[in-house]
Amino acid sequence: MSKEIVEAIKGLEQEKGISADKLMDALADALLSAYKKTPGAAKYARVDLDHETGDFRVFELILPAELEEKLLAEAAEAQEAEEREIDPETGEPKEPEEPELDPEMIAPYEEQIETRDVTPEDFGRIAAQTAKQVILQRIREAERMMMFEEYEDRVGELITGIIQQSDKRYTLVQLRERVEALLPKSEQVYNERYDHGMRVKAVITDVSDSTKGPAIVVSRRSPELIKSLFEMEVPEIADKLVEIVGVAREPGYRSKIAVVSHTDGVDPVGACVGPRGSRVRMVVSELRGEKIDIIPYNEEPARFVAKALSPARVREVIVDDEERQATVIVPDDQLSLAIGRDGQNARLAARLTGWRVDIKSETEFASEEEVEEYAGEEQSDGHCMAVLSNGRRCPNAAIGESRYCGLPTHQALARFETNQIAVLSPLEEAEVAILADPAADGGQVSEIVAKAEDAFEEPVEEELEPEEPPASEAAEEDASQDGAGEAEDETVAEEAEQA
């Protein structure tokens, strides 16, 4: 073999990173295969190849009869242990071929084997052709393996490519020269077009090896795409000052992301929105107009669920830690906004928070509360048991082991047998404060309670319906009652926030 081939192999080792020894071993195997195809070739042979000079010789291996029978029997047993291949044409198992002896099986018995030089005279031309084919094949395999190793560790990474071909089944995206990625139909967004030559960003979801090179699968539907786009546009996320802790996405429609700041003085929502919305606008543009809600993360489930239902305003959230279920109460005019089109807003909020979300309007929640019995043996469900003057139950949560919320007027009800807030109407503010104080003097408390109970009359439902007033008077009366009820609800909410 010429020295040019040896020098070419050593040059490839430096340029492509392919080991010269591996190339030489592969070349020796190829020469052995080429020799066996020549007429009159020996049954058992080996090729000795000098890695420095490139000289080679072919030796026939003469095995003793007993050793040959022993090795063939071992090879037959190993062949029987393997599953027989199925013929794709007939569907029946293929007949096993005659066992052959690999050089690895013969190597341990070299001392018992005689050798004879059987190198063909015209084998130099065959050797040169074989060397060329082996080298080219090894170069392709090495490049394919290098590409596979390069992209194998890039799963989840954002890449930019150019659309090369698109049809009903898949879209081919060129990442760089001779490297293409597959964008399957299942990973495409329904309302996006992928025209030839268009530049597109996607996330690598899978990389596998194949005979034609690494098979790279990318996605435009993955939630990781939104994370990567924000990381590219928002320096605070790239610097780990702000973190995206959750993403809920319905590709092509709307997404919600939860963000948290790890540094004092950095607003996570403002950082993602950017000056005049410039940063989030770039992400929305790349997603072809998909709407994005940026939610501040909160460790308290009630607050987190309330924020996740943005842009709807939430009145109250009741959480059940054991069932991981949240009951959300919203104003009547916010109910449709909180649920969203086809339940989309509620569905995304549930995915983002990991809680089951049940949304109710104030009217629906109040009607359910009115059905409950407040007299006699009352069952506390974690809410304040105080009944307001409009007949509705206080929507605030009870504190500690008490049946009432933190408002002093509601805490004072613990001194009475009734939970009607109207029992306190004859009392002054200072007297109510004394009743709300657990450490108040017992005698003083008894006097105040007696005073209030003497002036209080428990509301009783009348059996006979009262006469209907004229239409104009009824309308004025309803309007005044509604106004009073709404004013009292607003007052209770403001006092709860102050408490």
Protein backbone atom coordinates (compact mmCIF):
# COMPACT_ATOMS: atom_id res chain seq x y z
CA MET A 1 0.00 0.00 0.00
CA SER A 2 1.36 3.45 -0.88
CA LYS A 3 2.69 5.82 1.72
CA GLU A 4 0.26 8.47 0.42
CA ILE A 5 -2.65 6.51 1.91
CA VAL A 6 -0.86 6.24 5.28
CA GLU A 7 -0.17 9.98 5.26
CA ALA A 8 -3.80 10.67 4.29
CA ILE A 9 -5.01 8.59 7.22
CA LYS A 10 -2.76 10.47 9.64
CA GLY A 11 -3.95 13.79 8.16
CA LEU A 12 -7.56 12.76 8.76
CA GLU A 13 -6.70 12.02 12.38
CA GLN A 14 -5.64 15.63 12.89
CA GLU A 15 -8.31 17.28 10.72
CA LYS A 16 -11.44 15.22 11.49
CA GLY A 17 -10.45 13.79 14.85
CA ILE A 18 -10.70 10.20 13.54
CA SER A 19 -8.29 7.80 15.21
CA ALA A 20 -5.63 6.50 12.77
CA ASP A 21 -5.46 3.14 14.56
CA LYS A 22 -9.22 2.66 14.17
CA LEU A 23 -8.95 3.49 10.48
CA MET A 24 -6.12 0.99 10.07
CA ASP A 25 -8.09 -1.75 11.87
CA ALA A 26 -11.13 -1.04 9.70
CA LEU A 27 -8.91 -1.18 6.63
CA ALA A 28 -7.51 -4.56 7.67
CA ASP A 29 -11.05 -5.94 8.08
CA ALA A 30 -12.00 -4.59 4.66
CA LEU A 31 -8.92 -6.17 3.06
CA LEU A 32 -9.79 -9.52 4.64
CA SER A 33 -13.31 -9.32 3.23
CA ALA A 34 -11.93 -8.41 -0.20
CA TYR A 35 -9.50 -11.37 -0.09
CA LYS A 36 -12.28 -13.85 0.73
CA LYS A 37 -14.08 -12.78 -2.45
CA THR A 38 -11.10 -13.66 -4.64
CA PRO A 39 -11.13 -17.05 -6.44
CA GLY A 40 -9.35 -19.83 -4.52
CA ALA A 41 -9.27 -17.88 -1.25
CA ALA A 42 -8.37 -19.80 1.92
CA LYS A 43 -11.22 -20.82 4.25
CA TYR A 44 -9.63 -19.19 7.29
CA ALA A 45 -7.28 -16.22 6.91
CA ARG A 46 -6.06 -13.06 8.57
CA VAL A 47 -4.51 -9.79 7.39
CA ASP A 48 -1.45 -8.32 9.14
CA LEU A 49 -1.24 -4.54 8.45
CA ASP A 50 1.71 -2.39 9.54
CA HIS A 51 0.28 0.90 10.85
CA GLU A 52 3.53 2.80 10.18
CA THR A 53 4.45 1.72 6.66
CA GLY A 54 1.09 0.50 5.39
CA ASP A 55 2.55 -2.88 4.27
CA PHE A 56 0.20 -5.84 4.64
CA ARG A 57 0.31 -9.60 4.19
CA VAL A 58 -2.48 -12.21 4.00
CA PHE A 59 -1.93 -15.45 5.95
CA GLU A 60 -3.93 -18.66 5.67
CA LEU A 61 -4.86 -20.22 9.02
CA ILE A 62 -4.57 -24.02 9.06
CA LEU A 63 -6.66 -25.35 11.98
CA PRO A 64 -6.29 -28.90 13.38
CA ALA A 65 -9.41 -30.96 12.63
CA GLU A 66 -10.29 -31.43 16.31
CA LEU A 67 -9.98 -27.69 17.04
CA GLU A 68 -12.08 -26.79 14.00
CA GLU A 69 -14.88 -29.18 15.04
CA LYS A 70 -14.83 -27.79 18.57
CA LEU A 71 -15.03 -24.17 17.45
CA LEU A 72 -17.78 -24.91 14.89
CA ALA A 73 -19.84 -26.65 17.57
CA GLU A 74 -19.52 -23.63 19.86
CA ALA A 75 -20.50 -21.33 17.01
CA ALA A 76 -23.56 -23.50 16.23
CA GLU A 77 -24.70 -23.43 19.87
CA ALA A 78 -24.39 -19.65 19.97
CA GLN A 79 -26.35 -19.41 16.72
CA GLU A 80 -29.18 -21.59 18.06
CA ALA A 81 -29.44 -19.47 21.20
CA GLU A 82 -30.21 -16.42 19.08
CA GLU A 83 -33.73 -15.82 17.76
CA ARG A 84 -34.23 -16.83 14.16
CA GLU A 85 -34.96 -13.99 11.76
CA ILE A 86 -38.32 -13.80 10.01
CA ASP A 87 -38.42 -13.71 6.23
CA PRO A 88 -40.44 -10.57 5.31
CA GLU A 89 -41.71 -12.17 2.10
CA THR A 90 -42.96 -15.50 3.48
CA GLY A 91 -43.40 -14.53 7.13
CA GLU A 92 -41.66 -17.74 8.17
CA PRO A 93 -38.38 -18.11 10.11
CA LYS A 94 -35.27 -18.16 7.93
CA GLU A 95 -33.15 -21.30 7.76
CA PRO A 96 -29.98 -20.88 9.84
CA GLU A 97 -26.78 -20.38 7.82
CA GLU A 98 -23.70 -22.50 8.32
CA PRO A 99 -21.75 -21.26 11.32
CA GLU A 100 -18.58 -19.29 10.60
CA LEU A 101 -15.57 -18.81 12.79
CA ASP A 102 -14.77 -15.22 13.70
CA PRO A 103 -11.13 -14.17 14.08
CA GLU A 104 -11.89 -13.44 17.75
CA MET A 105 -12.76 -17.13 18.34
CA ILE A 106 -9.59 -18.30 16.63
CA ALA A 107 -7.21 -15.81 18.29
CA PRO A 108 -6.85 -17.66 21.66
CA TYR A 109 -5.58 -20.79 19.82
CA GLU A 110 -2.81 -19.15 17.75
CA GLU A 111 -0.17 -21.54 19.18
CA GLN A 112 -2.04 -24.55 17.75
CA ILE A 113 -2.60 -22.97 14.34
CA GLU A 114 -0.17 -23.05 11.43
CA THR A 115 0.00 -20.07 9.04
CA ARG A 116 1.01 -19.72 5.39
CA ASP A 117 1.51 -16.53 3.33
CA VAL A 118 -1.14 -16.47 0.59
CA THR A 119 -1.00 -12.79 -0.43
CA PRO A 120 -2.20 -12.52 -4.07
CA GLU A 121 0.23 -10.96 -6.55
CA ASP A 122 -2.27 -8.43 -7.93
CA PHE A 123 -3.78 -7.58 -4.55
CA GLY A 124 -2.28 -4.06 -4.51
CA ARG A 125 -4.94 -2.64 -6.87
CA ILE A 126 -7.74 -4.23 -4.80
CA ALA A 127 -6.13 -2.90 -1.63
CA ALA A 128 -6.05 0.68 -2.97
CA GLN A 129 -9.74 0.60 -3.96
CA THR A 130 -10.70 -0.94 -0.64
CA ALA A 131 -8.68 1.66 1.28
CA LYS A 132 -10.47 4.48 -0.56
CA GLN A 133 -13.92 3.06 0.18
CA VAL A 134 -13.12 2.39 3.84
CA ILE A 135 -11.69 5.84 4.38
CA LEU A 136 -14.70 7.59 2.81
CA GLN A 137 -17.10 5.44 4.79
CA ARG A 138 -15.29 6.10 8.05
CA ILE A 139 -15.26 9.85 7.34
CA ARG A 140 -19.03 9.84 6.85
CA GLU A 141 -19.58 7.81 10.01
CA ALA A 142 -17.30 10.08 12.03
CA GLU A 143 -19.05 13.24 10.79
CA ARG A 144 -22.45 11.69 11.52
CA MET A 145 -21.36 10.75 15.03
CA MET A 146 -19.90 14.22 15.65
CA MET A 147 -23.19 15.82 14.58
CA PHE A 148 -25.15 13.43 16.80
CA GLU A 149 -22.96 14.19 19.81
CA GLU A 150 -23.24 17.93 19.11
CA TYR A 151 -27.07 17.97 19.10
CA GLU A 152 -27.62 15.17 21.65
CA ASP A 153 -26.85 17.57 24.52
CA ARG A 154 -28.95 20.39 23.05
CA VAL A 155 -32.40 18.93 23.75
CA GLY A 156 -34.63 21.73 25.06
CA GLU A 157 -32.50 24.40 23.40
CA LEU A 158 -33.88 27.14 21.15
CA ILE A 159 -32.66 26.95 17.55
CA THR A 160 -33.23 29.04 14.43
CA GLY A 161 -33.64 27.43 11.02
CA ILE A 162 -34.91 28.02 7.50
CA ILE A 163 -37.94 26.21 6.10
CA GLN A 164 -36.84 23.96 3.23
CA GLN A 165 -39.90 21.85 2.54
CA SER A 166 -43.42 21.66 3.94
CA ASP A 167 -46.32 19.30 3.28
CA LYS A 168 -49.26 17.75 5.11
CA ARG A 169 -47.08 15.32 7.09
CA TYR A 170 -44.07 17.31 8.24
CA THR A 171 -41.84 20.32 7.61
CA LEU A 172 -38.07 20.21 7.07
CA VAL A 173 -36.04 22.94 8.76
CA GLN A 174 -32.40 23.48 7.76
CA LEU A 175 -30.26 24.26 10.81
CA ARG A 176 -26.96 24.53 8.95
CA GLU A 177 -25.22 22.94 5.99
CA ARG A 178 -26.17 19.24 5.68
CA VAL A 179 -28.08 19.34 9.00
CA GLU A 180 -31.87 19.29 8.83
CA ALA A 181 -34.50 19.03 11.56
CA LEU A 182 -37.98 17.57 11.34
CA LEU A 183 -41.00 19.62 12.45
CA PRO A 184 -43.84 17.05 12.61
CA LYS A 185 -47.48 17.98 12.13
CA SER A 186 -48.14 17.15 15.80
CA GLU A 187 -45.60 19.81 16.87
CA GLN A 188 -46.92 22.56 14.60
CA VAL A 189 -49.35 25.32 15.59
CA TYR A 190 -52.65 25.08 13.74
CA ASN A 191 -52.79 28.70 12.46
CA GLU A 192 -49.15 29.08 11.41
CA ARG A 193 -47.88 28.89 7.84
CA TYR A 194 -44.46 27.51 7.02
CA ASP A 195 -43.45 28.90 3.64
CA HIS A 196 -40.24 27.97 1.86
CA GLY A 197 -37.30 30.15 2.89
CA MET A 198 -38.99 31.49 6.03
CA ARG A 199 -36.85 31.79 9.15
CA VAL A 200 -38.40 30.09 12.18
CA LYS A 201 -37.49 29.48 15.82
CA ALA A 202 -38.24 26.16 17.53
CA VAL A 203 -37.14 23.98 20.45
CA ILE A 204 -35.26 20.69 20.04
CA THR A 205 -37.33 17.92 21.62
CA ASP A 206 -35.57 14.73 20.49
CA VAL A 207 -32.29 13.64 18.90
CA SER A 208 -31.69 10.07 17.71
CA ASP A 209 -28.98 8.41 15.64
CA SER A 210 -29.66 6.92 12.21
CA THR A 211 -27.72 5.69 9.18
CA LYS A 212 -28.36 8.96 7.33
CA GLY A 213 -27.28 11.16 10.23
CA PRO A 214 -28.80 12.49 13.44
CA ALA A 215 -32.61 12.63 13.38
CA ILE A 216 -33.49 15.95 15.05
CA VAL A 217 -37.11 16.67 16.00
CA VAL A 218 -38.13 20.25 16.83
CA SER A 219 -41.37 21.71 18.19
CA ARG A 220 -43.34 24.95 18.02
CA ARG A 221 -45.92 23.78 20.58
CA SER A 222 -43.62 23.06 23.52
CA PRO A 223 -43.92 25.29 26.63
CA GLU A 224 -40.12 25.40 26.61
CA LEU A 225 -40.37 27.61 23.50
CA ILE A 226 -41.93 30.43 25.56
CA LYS A 227 -39.30 30.03 28.28
CA SER A 228 -36.47 30.21 25.75
CA LEU A 229 -37.96 33.21 23.94
CA PHE A 230 -38.32 35.17 27.18
CA GLU A 231 -34.79 34.19 28.23
CA MET A 232 -33.53 35.60 24.93
CA GLU A 233 -35.49 38.86 25.26
CA VAL A 234 -35.25 39.49 29.03
CA PRO A 235 -31.71 39.95 30.43
CA GLU A 236 -32.98 39.49 34.01
CA ILE A 237 -34.08 35.93 33.16
CA ALA A 238 -30.80 35.15 31.43
CA ASP A 239 -28.93 36.43 34.51
CA LYS A 240 -31.12 34.31 36.86
CA LEU A 241 -32.49 37.41 38.62
CA VAL A 242 -36.00 36.49 37.47
CA GLU A 243 -37.22 32.92 36.98
CA ILE A 244 -40.15 31.48 35.05
CA VAL A 245 -41.51 28.89 37.48
CA GLY A 246 -44.47 27.68 35.41
CA VAL A 247 -45.95 27.77 31.92
CA ALA A 248 -49.46 26.83 30.82
CA ARG A 249 -50.05 27.04 27.10
CA GLU A 250 -52.70 26.44 24.49
CA PRO A 251 -50.64 26.99 21.32
CA GLY A 252 -51.98 29.62 18.99
CA TYR A 253 -54.52 30.99 21.49
CA ARG A 254 -53.22 32.03 24.92
CA SER A 255 -50.46 31.25 27.40
CA LYS A 256 -49.91 32.04 31.07
CA ILE A 257 -46.49 32.19 32.70
CA ALA A 258 -45.69 32.53 36.42
CA VAL A 259 -42.58 34.55 37.25
CA VAL A 260 -40.74 35.20 40.51
CA SER A 261 -37.88 37.54 41.41
CA HIS A 262 -34.84 36.33 43.34
CA THR A 263 -33.50 39.86 43.90
CA ASP A 264 -34.98 42.71 45.94
CA GLY A 265 -36.01 45.69 43.85
CA VAL A 266 -36.59 43.72 40.64
CA ASP A 267 -40.21 43.52 39.51
CA PRO A 268 -40.58 40.17 37.71
CA VAL A 269 -43.69 41.18 35.74
CA GLY A 270 -42.26 44.55 34.73
CA ALA A 271 -38.98 42.93 33.64
CA CYS A 272 -40.83 40.54 31.32
CA VAL A 273 -43.12 43.23 29.92
CA GLY A 274 -40.28 45.64 29.24
CA PRO A 275 -40.40 49.39 28.46
CA ARG A 276 -43.76 50.10 26.86
CA GLY A 277 -44.28 46.36 26.43
CA SER A 278 -41.36 46.00 24.01
CA ARG A 279 -40.05 42.68 25.38
CA VAL A 280 -43.32 40.79 25.57
CA ARG A 281 -44.29 42.25 22.19
CA MET A 282 -41.26 40.57 20.57
CA VAL A 283 -42.27 37.20 22.07
CA VAL A 284 -45.87 37.62 20.92
CA SER A 285 -44.65 38.50 17.43
CA GLU A 286 -42.54 35.33 17.24
CA LEU A 287 -45.56 33.29 18.38
CA ARG A 288 -47.67 34.82 15.58
CA GLY A 289 -49.94 36.86 17.88
CA GLU A 290 -50.50 34.35 20.69
CA LYS A 291 -51.71 36.19 23.82
CA ILE A 292 -49.54 35.93 26.94
CA ASP A 293 -50.55 36.61 30.57
CA ILE A 294 -47.63 37.24 32.93
CA ILE A 295 -48.55 36.25 36.51
CA PRO A 296 -46.51 37.02 39.67
CA TYR A 297 -45.88 33.78 41.53
CA ASN A 298 -47.05 33.58 45.15
CA GLU A 299 -46.45 30.79 47.64
CA GLU A 300 -49.93 31.30 49.09
CA PRO A 301 -52.28 29.20 46.93
CA ALA A 302 -55.25 31.56 47.31
CA ARG A 303 -53.33 34.59 46.07
CA PHE A 304 -51.64 32.60 43.29
CA VAL A 305 -54.97 31.23 42.01
CA ALA A 306 -56.54 34.70 42.14
CA LYS A 307 -53.69 36.17 40.08
CA ALA A 308 -53.73 33.23 37.65
CA LEU A 309 -57.32 34.08 36.67
CA SER A 310 -56.18 37.46 35.37
CA PRO A 311 -57.53 39.59 33.71
CA ALA A 312 -60.67 38.80 35.76
CA ARG A 313 -61.07 40.43 39.19
CA VAL A 314 -61.48 37.96 42.08
CA ARG A 315 -63.47 38.67 45.25
CA GLU A 316 -62.35 35.71 47.36
CA VAL A 317 -60.62 32.31 47.08
CA ILE A 318 -61.43 29.36 49.37
CA VAL A 319 -58.77 26.63 49.25
CA ASP A 320 -58.95 22.98 50.27
CA ASP A 321 -55.35 21.86 50.86
CA GLU A 322 -56.19 18.16 51.12
CA GLU A 323 -58.07 18.00 47.82
CA ARG A 324 -55.97 20.78 46.23
CA GLN A 325 -59.16 22.46 45.12
CA ALA A 326 -59.85 26.19 45.06
CA THR A 327 -63.34 27.75 45.03
CA VAL A 328 -63.10 31.21 43.47
CA ILE A 329 -65.81 33.83 44.04
CA VAL A 330 -65.95 36.63 41.47
CA PRO A 331 -68.32 39.56 40.92
CA ASP A 332 -71.28 38.73 38.70
CA ASP A 333 -69.97 40.86 35.84
CA GLN A 334 -66.58 39.08 35.94
CA LEU A 335 -67.86 35.49 35.76
CA SER A 336 -67.65 35.05 31.97
CA LEU A 337 -64.23 36.76 31.88
CA ALA A 338 -62.89 34.49 34.64
CA ILE A 339 -64.07 31.33 32.86
CA GLY A 340 -62.95 32.50 29.43
CA ARG A 341 -63.99 31.33 25.99
CA ASP A 342 -64.81 27.62 26.18
CA GLY A 343 -63.34 27.62 29.70
CA GLN A 344 -59.88 28.52 28.40
CA ASN A 345 -58.92 31.03 31.13
CA ALA A 346 -59.98 28.70 33.96
CA ARG A 347 -58.27 25.73 32.29
CA LEU A 348 -54.96 27.58 31.90
CA ALA A 349 -55.13 28.84 35.50
CA ALA A 350 -55.64 25.29 36.75
CA ARG A 351 -52.64 24.02 34.74
CA LEU A 352 -50.44 26.87 35.90
CA THR A 353 -51.24 26.52 39.61
CA GLY A 354 -51.74 22.75 39.76
CA TRP A 355 -55.06 23.25 41.62
CA ARG A 356 -58.60 22.38 40.61
CA VAL A 357 -60.45 25.65 40.15
CA ASP A 358 -64.21 26.06 40.70
CA ILE A 359 -65.49 29.53 39.78
CA LYS A 360 -68.72 30.93 41.22
CA SER A 361 -70.40 34.32 41.01
CA GLU A 362 -71.25 36.26 44.16
CA THR A 363 -74.97 35.74 43.58
CA GLU A 364 -74.54 31.98 43.18
CA PHE A 365 -72.32 31.74 46.23
CA ALA A 366 -74.71 33.86 48.34
CA SER A 367 -77.71 31.75 47.34
CA GLU A 368 -75.86 28.60 48.39
CA GLU A 369 -74.99 30.16 51.74
CA GLU A 370 -78.59 31.25 52.39
CA VAL A 371 -79.75 27.65 52.11
CA GLU A 372 -77.59 26.65 55.08
CA GLU A 373 -79.08 26.73 58.58
CA TYR A 374 -77.48 29.17 60.93
CA ALA A 375 -79.63 28.47 63.99
CA GLY A 376 -79.34 25.45 66.28
CA GLU A 377 -76.32 23.20 65.72
CA GLU A 378 -74.27 25.20 63.23
CA GLN A 379 -71.57 23.59 61.15
CA SER A 380 -68.52 25.74 60.46
CA ASP A 381 -66.95 25.30 57.01
CA GLY A 382 -64.01 27.65 57.56
CA HIS A 383 -66.01 30.80 56.79
CA CYS A 384 -67.22 33.50 59.14
CA MET A 385 -70.64 32.56 60.57
CA ALA A 386 -71.82 36.18 60.93
CA VAL A 387 -75.07 36.98 59.10
CA LEU A 388 -75.24 40.54 57.79
CA SER A 389 -78.30 42.75 57.96
CA ASN A 390 -79.11 42.00 54.32
CA GLY A 391 -79.46 38.31 55.19
CA ARG A 392 -76.23 37.25 53.54
CA ARG A 393 -73.43 35.44 55.27
CA CYS A 394 -70.04 37.16 55.70
CA PRO A 395 -67.73 35.96 52.89
CA ASN A 396 -64.52 36.31 54.93
CA ALA A 397 -62.63 33.31 56.29
CA ALA A 398 -62.78 32.48 60.00
CA ILE A 399 -59.56 32.90 62.00
CA GLY A 400 -57.98 30.28 64.23
CA GLU A 401 -60.46 28.20 66.21
CA SER A 402 -63.06 30.99 66.13
CA ARG A 403 -66.23 30.75 64.06
CA TYR A 404 -65.86 34.37 62.97
CA CYS A 405 -63.46 36.51 60.93
CA GLY A 406 -61.10 39.12 62.38
CA LEU A 407 -63.57 42.03 62.31
CA PRO A 408 -64.28 43.21 65.92
CA THR A 409 -68.03 43.41 65.25
CA HIS A 410 -68.04 39.78 64.11
CA GLN A 411 -65.81 38.59 66.94
CA ALA A 412 -68.28 40.18 69.38
CA LEU A 413 -70.99 37.79 68.14
CA ALA A 414 -69.20 34.96 69.97
CA ARG A 415 -70.79 36.33 73.18
CA PHE A 416 -74.33 35.70 71.88
CA GLU A 417 -76.40 32.68 71.01
CA THR A 418 -77.37 34.25 67.68
CA ASN A 419 -75.03 35.08 64.81
CA GLN A 420 -77.17 37.95 63.47
CA ILE A 421 -75.10 41.13 63.19
CA ALA A 422 -78.25 43.12 63.99
CA VAL A 423 -77.97 42.12 67.67
CA LEU A 424 -75.16 44.69 68.02
CA SER A 425 -77.14 47.63 66.62
CA PRO A 426 -78.11 49.13 70.03
CA LEU A 427 -74.50 49.07 71.26
CA GLU A 428 -71.87 51.73 70.97
CA GLU A 429 -68.49 51.14 69.34
CA ALA A 430 -66.69 50.98 72.68
CA GLU A 431 -69.12 48.33 73.96
CA VAL A 432 -68.60 46.24 70.83
CA ALA A 433 -64.82 46.47 71.37
CA ILE A 434 -65.26 45.15 74.92
CA LEU A 435 -67.27 42.16 73.65
CA ALA A 436 -64.62 41.43 71.02
CA ASP A 437 -61.83 41.41 73.63
CA PRO A 438 -61.38 37.83 75.03
CA ALA A 439 -59.76 39.25 78.18
CA ALA A 440 -62.62 41.68 79.00
CA ASP A 441 -64.21 41.75 82.46
CA GLY A 442 -66.96 39.11 82.81
CA GLY A 443 -69.42 41.32 84.72
CA GLN A 444 -69.11 44.14 82.22
CA VAL A 445 -69.55 41.73 79.34
CA SER A 446 -72.70 40.27 80.92
CA GLU A 447 -74.28 43.74 81.26
CA ILE A 448 -73.57 44.64 77.63
CA VAL A 449 -74.88 41.28 76.38
CA ALA A 450 -78.09 41.66 78.40
CA LYS A 451 -78.58 45.17 77.05
CA ALA A 452 -78.19 44.01 73.46
CA GLU A 453 -80.43 40.94 73.85
CA ASP A 454 -83.23 42.97 75.46
CA ALA A 455 -83.36 45.31 72.48
CA PHE A 456 -82.94 42.58 69.84
CA GLU A 457 -85.77 40.69 68.23
CA GLU A 458 -84.88 37.50 66.29
CA PRO A 459 -86.23 37.81 62.75
CA VAL A 460 -89.14 35.42 62.16
CA GLU A 461 -90.49 34.41 58.78
CA GLU A 462 -94.15 35.45 58.40
CA GLU A 463 -96.63 32.83 57.32
CA LEU A 464 -98.84 35.27 55.42
CA GLU A 465 -97.44 37.25 52.55
CA PRO A 466 -97.73 41.02 53.02
CA GLU A 467 -99.83 43.09 50.70
CA GLU A 468 -97.98 44.19 47.63
CA PRO A 469 -97.23 47.95 47.65
CA PRO A 470 -97.80 50.07 44.56
CA ALA A 471 -95.31 49.52 41.76
CA SER A 472 -93.55 52.84 42.22
CA GLU A 473 -93.13 52.35 46.00
CA ALA A 474 -91.89 48.76 45.51
CA ALA A 475 -89.31 49.89 43.00
CA GLU A 476 -88.05 52.64 45.33
CA GLU A 477 -87.90 50.19 48.27
CA ASP A 478 -85.98 47.56 46.24
CA ALA A 479 -83.53 50.17 45.04
CA SER A 480 -82.89 51.42 48.57
CA GLN A 481 -82.40 47.84 49.90
CA ASP A 482 -79.99 46.92 47.09
CA GLY A 483 -78.00 50.08 47.69
CA ALA A 484 -77.80 49.38 51.41
CA GLY A 485 -76.78 45.75 50.84
CA GLU A 486 -74.02 46.70 48.40
CA ALA A 487 -72.76 49.44 50.70
CA GLU A 488 -72.61 47.00 53.62
CA ASP A 489 -70.75 44.40 51.52
CA GLU A 490 -68.19 47.02 50.46
CA THR A 491 -67.78 48.16 54.08
CA VAL A 492 -67.18 44.56 55.26
CA ALA A 493 -64.57 44.01 52.53
CA GLU A 494 -62.75 47.26 53.41
CA GLU A 495 -62.74 46.41 57.13
CA ALA A 496 -61.40 42.91 56.33
CA GLU A 497 -58.51 44.38 54.39
CA GLN A 498 -57.68 46.76 57.24
CA ALA A 499 -57.84 43.86 59.77
